[in-house]
Amino acid sequence: MTVKKTLLPNGIVVITRKMPDVRSVSMGVWVNVGARDESFEQSGLSHFIEHMIFKGTFRRTAYQIAKEFDAIGGHTNAFTAMEHTCYHAKVMDSHVETMVEILSDIFLNSIFDPDEVERERPVIFQEIDMVEDTPEEYVHLLSGGNFWGNHPLGRSILGTRENISDFGAAAIKDFFNNFYHPEHIIISAAGNIEHDRLLDLAGPAFEAIKPSDTKLPERICPKIYSGVKQHIRPLEQVHICLSAMGLSITDSRRFAFSLLSTIIGGNMSSRLFQQIREQRGLAYAVYSFTTSHVDSGMFGVYTAVNEKNVLQATQLILQALEQLCSSAVSEEALQDAKEYTKGNLFLASESVDNQMVRLAQNEIHFNRFIPLQSIVEQVEAVTVDDIVSLARTLFQPDRMCLTFLGPMAEKQIDNNLIEHHISRRKA
């Protein structure tokens, strides 16, 4: 599989990976601008733009955009993250020209019609309602706010209802014009496609974007908040989310970070899955996760239990973290985590969507493509000492936050619970 990269005259990067054994092509237009680049008053604009991109251009109505993609059996969508936004599509290799033409049109020629803005506004309200009506999603949102505080990383990507009510077509256009500049744009594609063909199809349109002197707001590293936060709500379960200090996406310890998460709660043989679900039957879902940004990160654990089991489940989570700090991981457990990680990497590498994402993210964070074999070698190089040392660095009481959502008594959880179970250590 061949990776090729071209820098267009205006600064846009085009990067492709040829996968000749597949019949599909996945393409993404990435913008290195996301929710954390918004001021409080702008919160939600990146996500609103994501919706409006598909609502009509000078050449196509919203219906025509949908109909033309459906007519070729293609899929198109978009997503907004904290640090980037992506508009993507996937089609059979015989329909690449149509895909590129439509993606180029919606990205370069969207009109942000005021009438469409009014029609889309209640859709975003429904999206906010949907998150708040889904406890597992909502507790993660609450946990981020408790952990990051008023920093943009602690806000919802969707924005507030007040902001969404106030945004008009002019505000959306201004944000788009101010930040969607060539130096922030990457076009990535993976599948059965030739690099030069993509350049021929997309180059002329995207080269027309003029560079700008407008700079992105400085991304300020967030402060971490600790403590216990209870959000009382009449639910069937109490949803628990623990947040601890993590690593940036380029930190050299990121491979140990991933393995640490796998050992604690990343799969069915992990410590927390076995202790909370298999051995005690306290929860259906329990898992750990990692979130990494350009300058910071978070390690997290989630579960949901009956109200009477909240304290026990929380203690088991904290004890699992403390045990990792206090005693060595077995070589067998580490090797199992490595094999699990490598398996996931190789299986994902067969997906054109996954490869398209990897191309763009490698370019955004490292300015180069990182071969899979290089990642495997760095995963293999992680030692037991690396895991324990990292756990001792990350799992500090003053860098950890517990968030509860559900039917709890106000004093059900001691505010010093983290201190009781996690020893204080110097990072």
Protein backbone atom coordinates (compact mmCIF):
# COMPACT_ATOMS: atom_id res chain seq x y z
CA MET A 1 0.00 0.00 0.00
CA THR A 2 1.53 3.28 -1.17
CA VAL A 3 1.20 6.60 0.67
CA LYS A 4 1.66 9.80 -1.35
CA LYS A 5 1.48 13.43 -0.28
CA THR A 6 1.24 16.71 -2.19
CA LEU A 7 1.23 20.29 -0.93
CA LEU A 8 -0.97 22.50 -3.10
CA PRO A 9 0.32 26.03 -3.85
CA ASN A 10 -2.05 27.60 -1.29
CA GLY A 11 -0.96 25.28 1.54
CA ILE A 12 -3.63 22.54 1.43
CA VAL A 13 -2.22 19.04 1.96
CA VAL A 14 -3.49 16.16 -0.17
CA ILE A 15 -2.52 12.71 1.07
CA THR A 16 -3.60 9.30 -0.22
CA ARG A 17 -3.08 5.63 0.45
CA LYS A 18 -3.53 3.23 -2.43
CA MET A 19 -5.26 -0.03 -1.40
CA PRO A 20 -5.58 -1.95 -4.68
CA ASP A 21 -7.28 -5.01 -3.18
CA VAL A 22 -10.50 -3.15 -2.28
CA ARG A 23 -13.27 -1.70 -4.43
CA SER A 24 -14.10 1.29 -2.21
CA VAL A 25 -12.65 4.75 -1.60
CA SER A 26 -12.99 6.82 1.57
CA MET A 27 -12.25 10.56 1.38
CA GLY A 28 -12.23 13.23 4.06
CA VAL A 29 -11.83 16.98 3.97
CA TRP A 30 -10.32 17.83 7.35
CA VAL A 31 -10.11 21.24 8.98
CA ASN A 32 -7.72 21.65 11.90
CA VAL A 33 -10.28 23.76 13.75
CA GLY A 34 -12.67 22.48 16.39
CA ALA A 35 -14.74 23.25 19.43
CA ARG A 36 -11.77 24.23 21.60
CA ASP A 37 -10.95 27.05 19.19
CA GLU A 38 -14.27 28.77 19.90
CA SER A 39 -14.81 31.51 22.47
CA PHE A 40 -17.63 31.00 24.96
CA GLU A 41 -19.88 33.15 22.77
CA GLN A 42 -18.95 31.06 19.72
CA SER A 43 -19.41 27.69 21.42
CA GLY A 44 -21.32 25.44 19.05
CA LEU A 45 -20.44 27.22 15.79
CA SER A 46 -18.11 24.51 14.45
CA HIS A 47 -20.81 21.92 14.96
CA PHE A 48 -23.49 24.20 13.45
CA ILE A 49 -21.29 24.61 10.35
CA GLU A 50 -20.98 20.83 10.14
CA HIS A 51 -24.78 20.64 9.84
CA MET A 52 -25.11 23.55 7.43
CA ILE A 53 -22.48 22.28 4.97
CA PHE A 54 -25.05 19.76 3.71
CA LYS A 55 -27.92 22.26 3.45
CA GLY A 56 -27.35 23.62 -0.02
CA THR A 57 -24.83 25.21 -2.36
CA PHE A 58 -25.12 27.58 -5.31
CA ARG A 59 -25.58 24.49 -7.49
CA ARG A 60 -27.44 22.00 -5.29
CA THR A 61 -30.26 22.01 -2.76
CA ALA A 62 -30.00 19.91 0.40
CA TYR A 63 -32.27 17.34 -1.24
CA GLN A 64 -30.12 17.15 -4.37
CA ILE A 65 -26.98 16.58 -2.27
CA ALA A 66 -28.67 13.66 -0.48
CA LYS A 67 -30.21 12.26 -3.66
CA GLU A 68 -26.98 12.33 -5.67
CA PHE A 69 -25.07 10.45 -2.97
CA ASP A 70 -27.88 7.92 -2.60
CA ALA A 71 -27.94 7.41 -6.37
CA ILE A 72 -24.36 6.11 -6.34
CA GLY A 73 -24.81 3.99 -3.21
CA GLY A 74 -22.44 6.23 -1.29
CA HIS A 75 -22.30 7.34 2.31
CA THR A 76 -21.48 10.85 3.44
CA ASN A 77 -21.35 12.45 6.86
CA ALA A 78 -19.33 14.78 9.05
CA PHE A 79 -18.16 15.09 12.62
CA THR A 80 -16.90 17.84 14.89
CA ALA A 81 -14.22 17.16 17.49
CA MET A 82 -12.45 19.38 19.98
CA GLU A 83 -9.53 20.09 17.68
CA HIS A 84 -10.73 19.35 14.17
CA THR A 85 -13.75 18.93 11.90
CA CYS A 86 -14.12 16.39 9.11
CA TYR A 87 -16.43 16.10 6.11
CA HIS A 88 -16.19 12.63 4.62
CA ALA A 89 -17.69 10.20 2.13
CA LYS A 90 -17.26 6.62 0.97
CA VAL A 91 -18.15 5.21 -2.47
CA MET A 92 -17.28 2.45 -4.90
CA ASP A 93 -14.13 3.22 -6.87
CA SER A 94 -16.22 3.68 -10.02
CA HIS A 95 -17.95 6.70 -8.44
CA VAL A 96 -14.90 8.61 -7.18
CA GLU A 97 -15.38 11.49 -9.59
CA THR A 98 -18.95 12.11 -8.39
CA MET A 99 -17.90 11.87 -4.73
CA VAL A 100 -15.07 14.37 -5.12
CA GLU A 101 -17.24 16.78 -7.08
CA ILE A 102 -20.03 16.79 -4.48
CA LEU A 103 -17.66 17.01 -1.47
CA SER A 104 -15.82 19.87 -3.15
CA ASP A 105 -19.08 21.65 -3.91
CA ILE A 106 -20.51 21.46 -0.39
CA PHE A 107 -17.21 22.46 1.21
CA LEU A 108 -16.42 25.35 -1.12
CA ASN A 109 -19.84 26.62 -2.17
CA SER A 110 -22.24 26.23 0.75
CA ILE A 111 -24.51 29.27 0.97
CA PHE A 112 -25.62 29.00 4.62
CA ASP A 113 -29.14 30.05 3.66
CA PRO A 114 -30.89 31.87 6.57
CA ASP A 115 -34.05 29.82 5.99
CA GLU A 116 -32.04 26.59 6.25
CA VAL A 117 -30.39 27.88 9.43
CA GLU A 118 -33.84 28.32 11.00
CA ARG A 119 -34.88 24.84 9.91
CA GLU A 120 -31.70 23.26 11.28
CA ARG A 121 -31.73 25.07 14.63
CA PRO A 122 -34.40 22.80 16.21
CA VAL A 123 -32.53 19.74 14.89
CA ILE A 124 -29.49 20.74 16.97
CA PHE A 125 -31.76 21.34 19.97
CA GLN A 126 -32.97 17.77 19.53
CA GLU A 127 -29.36 16.58 19.37
CA ILE A 128 -28.63 18.33 22.69
CA ASP A 129 -31.79 16.79 24.18
CA MET A 130 -30.75 13.36 22.92
CA VAL A 131 -27.38 13.58 24.72
CA GLU A 132 -29.01 14.74 27.94
CA ASP A 133 -31.56 11.91 27.67
CA THR A 134 -28.77 9.32 27.30
CA PRO A 135 -27.17 8.98 30.75
CA GLU A 136 -24.03 7.21 29.54
CA GLU A 137 -23.29 10.07 27.13
CA TYR A 138 -24.39 12.80 29.50
CA VAL A 139 -22.21 11.64 32.40
CA HIS A 140 -19.17 11.83 30.11
CA LEU A 141 -20.12 15.41 29.24
CA LEU A 142 -20.58 16.27 32.91
CA SER A 143 -17.30 14.57 33.77
CA GLY A 144 -15.43 16.63 31.17
CA GLY A 145 -16.89 19.83 32.63
CA ASN A 146 -15.94 18.81 36.15
CA PHE A 147 -12.43 17.80 35.10
CA TRP A 148 -11.55 20.66 32.71
CA GLY A 149 -13.68 23.37 34.33
CA ASN A 150 -14.50 26.42 32.19
CA HIS A 151 -11.83 25.57 29.65
CA PRO A 152 -13.19 24.89 26.12
CA LEU A 153 -12.29 21.19 26.57
CA GLY A 154 -14.85 21.10 29.37
CA ARG A 155 -17.70 22.35 27.18
CA SER A 156 -20.08 20.45 24.93
CA ILE A 157 -19.11 20.37 21.27
CA LEU A 158 -22.79 21.00 20.53
CA GLY A 159 -22.76 24.39 22.28
CA THR A 160 -25.41 25.80 24.58
CA ARG A 161 -29.10 26.25 23.81
CA GLU A 162 -28.65 29.99 24.31
CA ASN A 163 -25.86 30.16 21.73
CA ILE A 164 -27.71 27.98 19.24
CA SER A 165 -30.74 30.26 19.60
CA ASP A 166 -28.64 33.33 18.82
CA PHE A 167 -26.53 32.08 15.89
CA GLY A 168 -27.65 33.39 12.53
CA ALA A 169 -26.40 32.86 9.00
CA ALA A 170 -24.00 35.83 9.29
CA ALA A 171 -22.27 34.45 12.40
CA ILE A 172 -21.90 31.04 10.76
CA LYS A 173 -20.45 32.52 7.57
CA ASP A 174 -18.04 34.74 9.52
CA PHE A 175 -16.65 31.81 11.53
CA PHE A 176 -16.31 29.71 8.38
CA ASN A 177 -14.55 32.49 6.47
CA ASN A 178 -12.27 33.39 9.39
CA PHE A 179 -10.99 29.90 10.17
CA TYR A 180 -11.48 27.57 7.18
CA HIS A 181 -8.19 28.55 5.52
CA PRO A 182 -5.85 26.47 3.32
CA GLU A 183 -3.19 26.09 6.01
CA HIS A 184 -5.79 24.39 8.21
CA ILE A 185 -7.11 22.00 5.53
CA ILE A 186 -6.08 18.42 4.72
CA ILE A 187 -7.66 16.20 2.07
CA SER A 188 -7.10 12.51 2.78
CA ALA A 189 -8.25 9.49 0.83
CA ALA A 190 -7.70 5.75 1.11
CA GLY A 191 -8.80 2.84 -1.03
CA ASN A 192 -8.61 1.95 -4.70
CA ILE A 193 -7.61 5.41 -5.91
CA GLU A 194 -4.56 6.87 -7.62
CA HIS A 195 -2.97 9.92 -6.01
CA ASP A 196 -2.66 11.83 -9.27
CA ARG A 197 -6.31 11.17 -10.08
CA LEU A 198 -7.41 12.74 -6.81
CA LEU A 199 -5.17 15.73 -7.51
CA ASP A 200 -6.74 16.11 -10.95
CA LEU A 201 -10.27 15.93 -9.52
CA ALA A 202 -9.90 17.99 -6.34
CA GLY A 203 -6.89 20.19 -7.00
CA PRO A 204 -8.37 22.87 -9.28
CA ALA A 205 -11.30 23.56 -6.95
CA PHE A 206 -9.35 23.59 -3.68
CA GLU A 207 -6.44 25.57 -5.09
CA ALA A 208 -8.88 28.43 -5.57
CA ILE A 209 -9.12 28.98 -1.78
CA LYS A 210 -7.07 32.05 -0.94
CA PRO A 211 -4.65 32.02 2.02
CA SER A 212 -5.46 34.33 4.92
CA ASP A 213 -3.54 36.19 7.59
CA THR A 214 -6.18 35.43 10.24
CA LYS A 215 -4.67 33.31 13.01
CA LEU A 216 -6.39 30.72 15.14
CA PRO A 217 -6.81 31.66 18.81
CA GLU A 218 -3.98 30.31 20.93
CA ARG A 219 -4.78 26.90 22.40
CA ILE A 220 -4.20 27.29 26.13
CA CYS A 221 -3.34 24.18 28.13
CA PRO A 222 -6.18 23.46 30.58
CA LYS A 223 -6.05 23.29 34.32
CA ILE A 224 -7.20 20.02 35.90
CA TYR A 225 -9.81 19.99 38.66
CA SER A 226 -10.28 17.25 41.24
CA GLY A 227 -12.98 16.19 43.65
CA VAL A 228 -16.35 14.46 43.76
CA LYS A 229 -19.40 15.80 41.92
CA GLN A 230 -22.89 14.37 42.33
CA HIS A 231 -25.66 15.16 39.86
CA ILE A 232 -28.95 13.91 41.24
CA ARG A 233 -31.41 12.57 38.67
CA PRO A 234 -34.32 10.08 38.87
CA LEU A 235 -32.80 7.23 36.83
CA GLU A 236 -32.78 3.46 37.22
CA GLN A 237 -29.00 3.41 37.67
CA VAL A 238 -26.22 5.61 38.94
CA HIS A 239 -23.73 6.34 36.17
CA ILE A 240 -20.16 6.72 37.37
CA CYS A 241 -17.32 8.39 35.46
CA LEU A 242 -13.82 8.74 36.86
CA SER A 243 -11.45 11.21 35.20
CA ALA A 244 -7.70 11.30 35.78
CA MET A 245 -4.80 13.09 34.17
CA GLY A 246 -3.86 11.70 30.75
CA LEU A 247 -1.27 12.39 28.06
CA SER A 248 -1.11 14.55 24.97
CA ILE A 249 -1.55 12.85 21.62
CA THR A 250 2.15 13.20 20.78
CA ASP A 251 3.58 12.17 24.17
CA SER A 252 6.26 9.49 23.81
CA ARG A 253 4.50 7.47 26.54
CA ARG A 254 1.25 7.21 24.55
CA PHE A 255 1.84 3.53 23.77
CA ALA A 256 2.20 2.70 27.46
CA PHE A 257 -0.90 4.85 28.07
CA SER A 258 -2.94 2.74 25.67
CA LEU A 259 -1.70 -0.53 27.17
CA LEU A 260 -2.38 0.72 30.69
CA SER A 261 -5.99 1.43 29.75
CA THR A 262 -6.35 -2.01 28.15
CA ILE A 263 -5.08 -3.72 31.29
CA ILE A 264 -7.39 -1.75 33.59
CA GLY A 265 -10.61 -1.82 31.61
CA GLY A 266 -10.06 -2.07 27.88
CA ASN A 267 -11.46 -5.54 27.17
CA MET A 268 -13.32 -8.52 28.65
CA SER A 269 -10.28 -9.93 30.47
CA SER A 270 -9.34 -6.55 31.99
CA ARG A 271 -9.21 -6.06 35.75
CA LEU A 272 -12.32 -3.94 36.07
CA PHE A 273 -14.47 -6.04 33.73
CA GLN A 274 -13.57 -9.16 35.67
CA GLN A 275 -13.94 -7.64 39.15
CA ILE A 276 -17.08 -5.53 38.63
CA ARG A 277 -19.05 -7.55 36.07
CA GLU A 278 -17.83 -11.14 36.02
CA GLN A 279 -16.97 -11.76 39.69
CA ARG A 280 -19.61 -9.61 41.39
CA GLY A 281 -22.27 -8.93 38.76
CA LEU A 282 -22.51 -5.26 39.73
CA ALA A 283 -22.75 -3.80 36.22
CA TYR A 284 -23.46 -4.64 32.62
CA ALA A 285 -21.08 -2.03 31.18
CA VAL A 286 -17.69 -1.15 32.63
CA TYR A 287 -14.72 0.12 30.66
CA SER A 288 -11.75 2.47 30.67
CA PHE A 289 -10.93 4.99 27.96
CA THR A 290 -8.34 7.56 26.97
CA THR A 291 -8.74 11.00 25.44
CA SER A 292 -5.75 12.89 24.07
CA HIS A 293 -5.37 16.45 22.75
CA VAL A 294 -2.40 18.42 21.45
CA ASP A 295 -1.37 19.56 24.93
CA SER A 296 -3.24 17.43 27.46
CA GLY A 297 -5.32 14.33 27.96
CA MET A 298 -7.61 12.31 30.18
CA PHE A 299 -7.78 8.75 31.44
CA GLY A 300 -11.29 7.66 32.34
CA VAL A 301 -13.40 4.81 33.68
CA TYR A 302 -17.15 4.41 33.22
CA THR A 303 -19.73 2.10 34.72
CA ALA A 304 -23.40 2.14 35.74
CA VAL A 305 -24.78 0.32 38.76
CA ASN A 306 -27.75 0.05 41.09
CA GLU A 307 -27.84 2.83 43.69
CA LYS A 308 -27.05 0.42 46.52
CA ASN A 309 -23.83 -0.66 44.77
CA VAL A 310 -22.39 2.79 44.02
CA LEU A 311 -19.88 2.87 46.85
CA GLN A 312 -18.66 -0.68 46.26
CA ALA A 313 -18.21 -0.16 42.52
CA THR A 314 -16.40 3.13 43.05
CA GLN A 315 -14.08 1.58 45.61
CA LEU A 316 -13.26 -1.26 43.22
CA ILE A 317 -12.34 1.25 40.50
CA LEU A 318 -10.08 3.22 42.82
CA GLN A 319 -8.51 0.06 44.23
CA ALA A 320 -7.70 -1.16 40.71
CA LEU A 321 -5.86 2.08 40.01
CA GLU A 322 -4.01 1.94 43.31
CA GLN A 323 -3.01 -1.68 42.76
CA LEU A 324 -1.48 -0.77 39.42
CA CYS A 325 0.57 1.92 41.18
CA SER A 326 1.62 -0.34 44.07
CA SER A 327 2.53 -3.61 42.39
CA ALA A 328 4.01 -4.71 39.12
CA VAL A 329 1.90 -5.88 36.22
CA SER A 330 2.67 -9.46 35.27
CA GLU A 331 4.58 -10.03 32.05
CA GLU A 332 1.71 -12.25 30.91
CA ALA A 333 -0.87 -9.47 31.40
CA LEU A 334 1.29 -6.97 29.55
CA GLN A 335 1.89 -9.38 26.67
CA ASP A 336 -1.84 -10.08 26.43
CA ALA A 337 -2.52 -6.33 26.23
CA LYS A 338 0.10 -5.98 23.51
CA GLU A 339 -1.42 -8.79 21.43
CA TYR A 340 -4.89 -7.30 21.87
CA THR A 341 -3.62 -3.90 20.75
CA LYS A 342 -1.76 -5.27 17.75
CA GLY A 343 -4.78 -7.30 16.73
CA ASN A 344 -6.99 -4.22 16.79
CA LEU A 345 -4.43 -2.25 14.79
CA PHE A 346 -4.12 -4.85 12.05
CA LEU A 347 -7.86 -5.47 11.81
CA ALA A 348 -8.52 -1.72 11.59
CA SER A 349 -5.86 -1.36 8.90
CA GLU A 350 -8.09 -3.28 6.49
CA SER A 351 -10.74 -0.54 6.65
CA VAL A 352 -10.51 2.27 4.09
CA ASP A 353 -12.32 4.57 6.54
CA ASN A 354 -9.77 3.87 9.26
CA GLN A 355 -6.88 4.43 6.87
CA MET A 356 -8.36 7.74 5.69
CA VAL A 357 -8.57 8.90 9.31
CA ARG A 358 -5.03 7.73 10.11
CA LEU A 359 -3.61 9.61 7.14
CA ALA A 360 -5.16 12.88 8.26
CA GLN A 361 -4.40 12.52 11.96
CA ASN A 362 -0.79 11.54 11.32
CA GLU A 363 -0.41 14.63 9.14
CA ILE A 364 -2.09 16.92 11.69
CA HIS A 365 -0.04 15.76 14.66
CA PHE A 366 3.25 14.51 13.18
CA ASN A 367 3.44 16.06 9.68
CA ARG A 368 4.17 12.62 8.27
CA PHE A 369 2.67 9.19 7.82
CA ILE A 370 3.64 6.68 10.52
CA PRO A 371 3.80 3.09 9.22
CA LEU A 372 1.89 0.45 11.17
CA GLN A 373 5.08 -1.52 11.76
CA SER A 374 6.60 1.47 13.56
CA ILE A 375 3.62 1.59 15.91
CA VAL A 376 3.84 -2.16 16.56
CA GLU A 377 7.53 -1.84 17.42
CA GLN A 378 6.84 0.92 19.92
CA VAL A 379 4.00 -1.08 21.47
CA GLU A 380 6.35 -4.07 21.82
CA ALA A 381 8.99 -1.88 23.46
CA VAL A 382 6.75 -0.97 26.44
CA THR A 383 7.90 -2.61 29.70
CA VAL A 384 6.22 -3.46 32.99
CA ASP A 385 8.19 -0.64 34.61
CA ASP A 386 6.84 1.79 32.01
CA ILE A 387 3.25 0.87 32.92
CA VAL A 388 3.74 1.16 36.68
CA SER A 389 5.73 4.39 36.41
CA LEU A 390 3.04 5.94 34.23
CA ALA A 391 0.27 4.83 36.60
CA ARG A 392 2.08 6.46 39.51
CA THR A 393 2.43 9.66 37.52
CA LEU A 394 -1.19 9.87 36.35
CA PHE A 395 -3.18 8.55 39.30
CA GLN A 396 -2.76 11.39 41.77
CA PRO A 397 -5.66 12.40 44.10
CA ASP A 398 -5.33 16.08 43.18
CA ARG A 399 -5.57 15.17 39.47
CA MET A 400 -8.65 12.96 39.65
CA CYS A 401 -12.36 13.69 39.52
CA LEU A 402 -15.37 11.46 40.23
CA THR A 403 -18.70 12.29 38.60
CA PHE A 404 -21.99 10.60 39.50
CA LEU A 405 -25.32 10.90 37.67
CA GLY A 406 -28.42 9.27 39.05
CA PRO A 407 -30.63 8.66 42.11
CA MET A 408 -28.16 9.35 44.89
CA ALA A 409 -28.43 10.68 48.40
CA GLU A 410 -26.43 13.89 48.67
CA LYS A 411 -23.99 12.49 51.25
CA GLN A 412 -23.78 9.01 49.77
CA ILE A 413 -20.19 9.49 48.61
CA ASP A 414 -17.47 10.91 50.85
CA ASN A 415 -15.74 13.86 49.20
CA ASN A 416 -12.43 12.39 50.39
CA LEU A 417 -13.06 9.01 48.79
CA ILE A 418 -10.28 9.41 46.23
CA GLU A 419 -7.79 10.39 48.94
CA HIS A 420 -8.76 7.31 50.95
CA HIS A 421 -7.93 4.91 48.11
CA ILE A 422 -5.16 6.59 46.12
CA SER A 423 -1.85 7.30 47.81
CA ARG A 424 -0.28 10.70 47.27
CA ARG A 425 2.81 10.53 45.09
CA LYS A 426 5.01 13.02 43.40
CA ALA A 427 4.69 12.86 39.61
